[in-house]
N, C-alpha and C. Protein backbone atom coordinates (compact mmCIF):
# COMPACT_ATOMS: atom_id res chain seq x y z
N MET A 1 106.22 116.26 99.13
CA MET A 1 106.84 116.24 97.82
C MET A 1 106.31 117.44 97.05
N ASP A 2 107.24 118.12 96.39
CA ASP A 2 106.79 119.27 95.62
C ASP A 2 106.49 118.88 94.17
N GLU A 3 106.14 119.86 93.36
CA GLU A 3 105.71 119.58 91.98
C GLU A 3 106.85 119.10 91.09
N THR A 4 108.12 119.23 91.54
CA THR A 4 109.25 118.74 90.75
C THR A 4 109.62 117.30 91.11
N GLY A 5 108.99 116.74 92.14
CA GLY A 5 109.32 115.39 92.59
C GLY A 5 110.35 115.36 93.71
N TYR A 6 110.63 116.53 94.30
CA TYR A 6 111.58 116.59 95.40
C TYR A 6 110.88 116.25 96.71
N LEU A 7 111.35 115.21 97.38
CA LEU A 7 110.79 114.77 98.65
C LEU A 7 111.65 115.34 99.78
N ASP A 8 111.04 116.13 100.63
CA ASP A 8 111.76 116.80 101.71
C ASP A 8 111.08 116.49 103.03
N ARG A 9 111.89 116.21 104.03
CA ARG A 9 111.43 116.05 105.41
C ARG A 9 110.47 114.90 105.64
N LEU A 10 110.92 113.71 105.33
CA LEU A 10 110.14 112.52 105.65
C LEU A 10 110.69 111.95 106.96
N PHE A 11 109.99 112.16 108.04
CA PHE A 11 110.42 111.68 109.35
C PHE A 11 109.29 110.88 109.98
N ILE A 12 109.65 109.76 110.59
CA ILE A 12 108.71 108.94 111.33
C ILE A 12 109.23 108.85 112.77
N HIS A 13 108.37 109.09 113.73
CA HIS A 13 108.76 109.04 115.14
C HIS A 13 109.41 107.70 115.44
N LYS A 14 110.44 107.71 116.26
CA LYS A 14 111.21 106.50 116.55
C LYS A 14 110.35 105.36 117.07
N ASP A 15 109.27 105.65 117.78
CA ASP A 15 108.41 104.61 118.32
C ASP A 15 107.52 103.95 117.25
N HIS A 16 107.50 104.54 116.06
CA HIS A 16 106.62 104.03 115.00
C HIS A 16 107.39 103.65 113.74
N GLN A 17 108.72 103.60 113.82
CA GLN A 17 109.52 103.20 112.66
C GLN A 17 109.43 101.70 112.46
N ARG A 18 109.71 101.29 111.22
CA ARG A 18 109.72 99.87 110.82
C ARG A 18 108.33 99.23 110.87
N HIS A 19 107.29 100.07 110.69
CA HIS A 19 105.92 99.56 110.60
C HIS A 19 105.32 99.80 109.21
N GLY A 20 106.14 100.31 108.29
CA GLY A 20 105.68 100.53 106.93
C GLY A 20 105.05 101.89 106.67
N ILE A 21 105.08 102.77 107.66
CA ILE A 21 104.44 104.09 107.51
C ILE A 21 105.12 104.92 106.43
N ALA A 22 106.44 105.01 106.49
CA ALA A 22 107.18 105.80 105.49
C ALA A 22 106.98 105.21 104.09
N ALA A 23 106.98 103.90 103.99
CA ALA A 23 106.78 103.26 102.69
C ALA A 23 105.39 103.58 102.13
N LEU A 24 104.37 103.54 102.98
CA LEU A 24 103.01 103.89 102.53
C LEU A 24 102.94 105.34 102.07
N LEU A 25 103.56 106.23 102.83
CA LEU A 25 103.57 107.64 102.44
C LEU A 25 104.29 107.84 101.10
N CYS A 26 105.45 107.21 100.95
CA CYS A 26 106.20 107.34 99.69
C CYS A 26 105.44 106.72 98.53
N ASP A 27 104.83 105.57 98.76
CA ASP A 27 104.03 104.94 97.70
C ASP A 27 102.97 105.91 97.19
N TRP A 28 102.26 106.52 98.12
CA TRP A 28 101.18 107.44 97.75
C TRP A 28 101.74 108.67 97.03
N LEU A 29 102.79 109.27 97.60
CA LEU A 29 103.39 110.46 96.99
C LEU A 29 103.90 110.18 95.58
N GLU A 30 104.60 109.07 95.41
CA GLU A 30 105.14 108.73 94.09
C GLU A 30 104.04 108.40 93.09
N ARG A 31 102.98 107.79 93.56
CA ARG A 31 101.86 107.44 92.68
C ARG A 31 101.10 108.69 92.23
N GLU A 32 100.96 109.65 93.11
CA GLU A 32 100.17 110.85 92.81
C GLU A 32 100.96 111.93 92.08
N ALA A 33 102.27 111.87 92.12
CA ALA A 33 103.10 112.91 91.49
C ALA A 33 103.03 112.78 89.97
N ALA A 34 103.02 113.92 89.33
CA ALA A 34 102.96 113.95 87.87
C ALA A 34 104.37 114.15 87.30
N VAL A 35 105.31 113.36 87.79
CA VAL A 35 106.70 113.46 87.34
C VAL A 35 107.25 112.05 87.12
N SER A 36 108.36 111.96 86.42
CA SER A 36 108.99 110.66 86.20
C SER A 36 110.31 110.52 86.96
N ARG A 37 110.71 111.60 87.65
CA ARG A 37 111.97 111.57 88.42
C ARG A 37 111.71 112.13 89.82
N PHE A 38 112.17 111.40 90.81
CA PHE A 38 112.06 111.82 92.21
C PHE A 38 113.46 112.06 92.76
N THR A 39 113.59 113.05 93.63
CA THR A 39 114.87 113.34 94.27
C THR A 39 114.66 113.57 95.76
N THR A 40 115.72 113.34 96.52
CA THR A 40 115.70 113.61 97.95
C THR A 40 117.12 113.78 98.43
N HIS A 41 117.28 114.39 99.59
CA HIS A 41 118.55 114.46 100.29
C HIS A 41 118.38 113.56 101.51
N ALA A 42 119.00 112.40 101.49
CA ALA A 42 118.80 111.39 102.53
C ALA A 42 119.97 111.37 103.50
N SER A 43 119.65 111.24 104.77
CA SER A 43 120.68 111.07 105.79
C SER A 43 121.33 109.70 105.63
N ILE A 44 122.42 109.48 106.36
CA ILE A 44 123.08 108.18 106.33
C ILE A 44 122.11 107.08 106.74
N THR A 45 121.29 107.33 107.75
CA THR A 45 120.37 106.29 108.21
C THR A 45 119.18 106.10 107.27
N ALA A 46 118.78 107.13 106.55
CA ALA A 46 117.65 107.00 105.62
C ALA A 46 118.06 106.46 104.26
N GLY A 47 119.35 106.53 103.93
CA GLY A 47 119.82 106.08 102.63
C GLY A 47 119.38 104.67 102.27
N PRO A 48 119.56 103.67 103.15
CA PRO A 48 119.13 102.31 102.81
C PRO A 48 117.63 102.18 102.52
N PHE A 49 116.80 102.95 103.24
CA PHE A 49 115.36 102.94 102.98
C PHE A 49 115.08 103.35 101.54
N PHE A 50 115.72 104.46 101.11
CA PHE A 50 115.48 104.94 99.75
C PHE A 50 116.10 104.01 98.71
N GLU A 51 117.26 103.42 99.01
CA GLU A 51 117.85 102.47 98.06
C GLU A 51 116.92 101.29 97.83
N LYS A 52 116.27 100.79 98.88
CA LYS A 52 115.31 99.69 98.73
C LYS A 52 114.13 100.08 97.86
N ARG A 53 113.85 101.38 97.79
CA ARG A 53 112.74 101.88 96.99
C ARG A 53 113.16 102.19 95.56
N GLY A 54 114.43 101.92 95.22
CA GLY A 54 114.88 102.13 93.85
C GLY A 54 115.62 103.44 93.62
N TYR A 55 115.87 104.20 94.68
CA TYR A 55 116.66 105.42 94.53
C TYR A 55 118.14 105.05 94.44
N ARG A 56 118.91 105.87 93.75
CA ARG A 56 120.35 105.68 93.70
C ARG A 56 121.05 106.95 94.15
N VAL A 57 122.24 106.78 94.69
CA VAL A 57 123.02 107.93 95.15
C VAL A 57 123.60 108.65 93.95
N VAL A 58 123.32 109.95 93.86
CA VAL A 58 123.89 110.80 92.82
C VAL A 58 125.23 111.34 93.31
N ARG A 59 125.23 111.79 94.57
CA ARG A 59 126.47 112.28 95.16
C ARG A 59 126.35 112.30 96.68
N GLU A 60 127.50 112.20 97.31
CA GLU A 60 127.61 112.35 98.76
C GLU A 60 127.88 113.82 99.04
N GLN A 61 127.30 114.33 100.11
CA GLN A 61 127.46 115.75 100.44
C GLN A 61 127.78 115.93 101.92
N LEU A 62 128.40 117.03 102.24
CA LEU A 62 128.56 117.46 103.63
C LEU A 62 127.75 118.74 103.78
N VAL A 63 126.84 118.74 104.73
CA VAL A 63 126.01 119.92 104.99
C VAL A 63 126.26 120.37 106.42
N GLU A 64 126.24 121.67 106.62
CA GLU A 64 126.46 122.22 107.95
C GLU A 64 125.12 122.52 108.60
N VAL A 65 124.93 121.98 109.79
CA VAL A 65 123.72 122.22 110.57
C VAL A 65 124.16 122.69 111.95
N ARG A 66 123.85 123.93 112.27
CA ARG A 66 124.22 124.53 113.55
C ARG A 66 125.70 124.33 113.88
N GLY A 67 126.54 124.53 112.87
CA GLY A 67 127.98 124.45 113.07
C GLY A 67 128.55 123.04 113.02
N ILE A 68 127.73 122.04 112.75
CA ILE A 68 128.20 120.66 112.69
C ILE A 68 128.07 120.16 111.26
N LEU A 69 129.13 119.54 110.74
CA LEU A 69 129.09 118.98 109.40
C LEU A 69 128.48 117.58 109.45
N LEU A 70 127.46 117.37 108.62
CA LEU A 70 126.78 116.07 108.54
C LEU A 70 126.85 115.56 107.10
N LYS A 71 127.05 114.26 106.95
CA LYS A 71 127.06 113.65 105.63
C LYS A 71 125.63 113.27 105.25
N ASN A 72 125.27 113.56 104.02
CA ASN A 72 124.01 113.06 103.48
C ASN A 72 124.20 112.73 102.02
N TYR A 73 123.14 112.26 101.38
CA TYR A 73 123.24 111.81 100.00
C TYR A 73 122.15 112.44 99.16
N MET A 74 122.53 113.00 98.03
CA MET A 74 121.57 113.41 97.02
C MET A 74 121.21 112.14 96.28
N MET A 75 119.91 111.79 96.26
CA MET A 75 119.46 110.54 95.64
C MET A 75 118.36 110.83 94.63
N GLU A 76 118.23 109.94 93.66
CA GLU A 76 117.19 110.10 92.65
C GLU A 76 116.63 108.74 92.26
N LYS A 77 115.40 108.80 91.75
CA LYS A 77 114.71 107.60 91.27
C LYS A 77 113.95 107.99 90.02
N PHE A 78 114.05 107.17 89.00
CA PHE A 78 113.29 107.38 87.78
C PHE A 78 112.20 106.31 87.68
N LEU A 79 111.01 106.72 87.27
CA LEU A 79 109.95 105.76 87.03
C LEU A 79 110.24 105.04 85.71
N PRO A 80 109.97 103.75 85.67
CA PRO A 80 110.18 103.02 84.40
C PRO A 80 109.16 103.49 83.37
N PHE A 81 109.57 103.43 82.12
CA PHE A 81 108.64 103.78 81.04
C PHE A 81 107.62 102.67 80.88
N CYS A 82 106.38 103.06 80.68
CA CYS A 82 105.30 102.07 80.51
C CYS A 82 104.95 101.93 79.06
């Protein structure tokens, strides 16, 4: 996660998914960030993970990777005011 709250490249090896690793990493990153808004570009398969964490879809996008068009989602999450 960068200083603006943009989370890029969160990948967990297929043999270690669904063990809470990504959630622990995101919890720590979001807790330590000095921002109130987080953003990410989530794949179709990662979208539900981020939605469970309180992110919402801002827009659907098509991105080209090595000549192939892939759908992903620009997502954002705001921290509640305390």
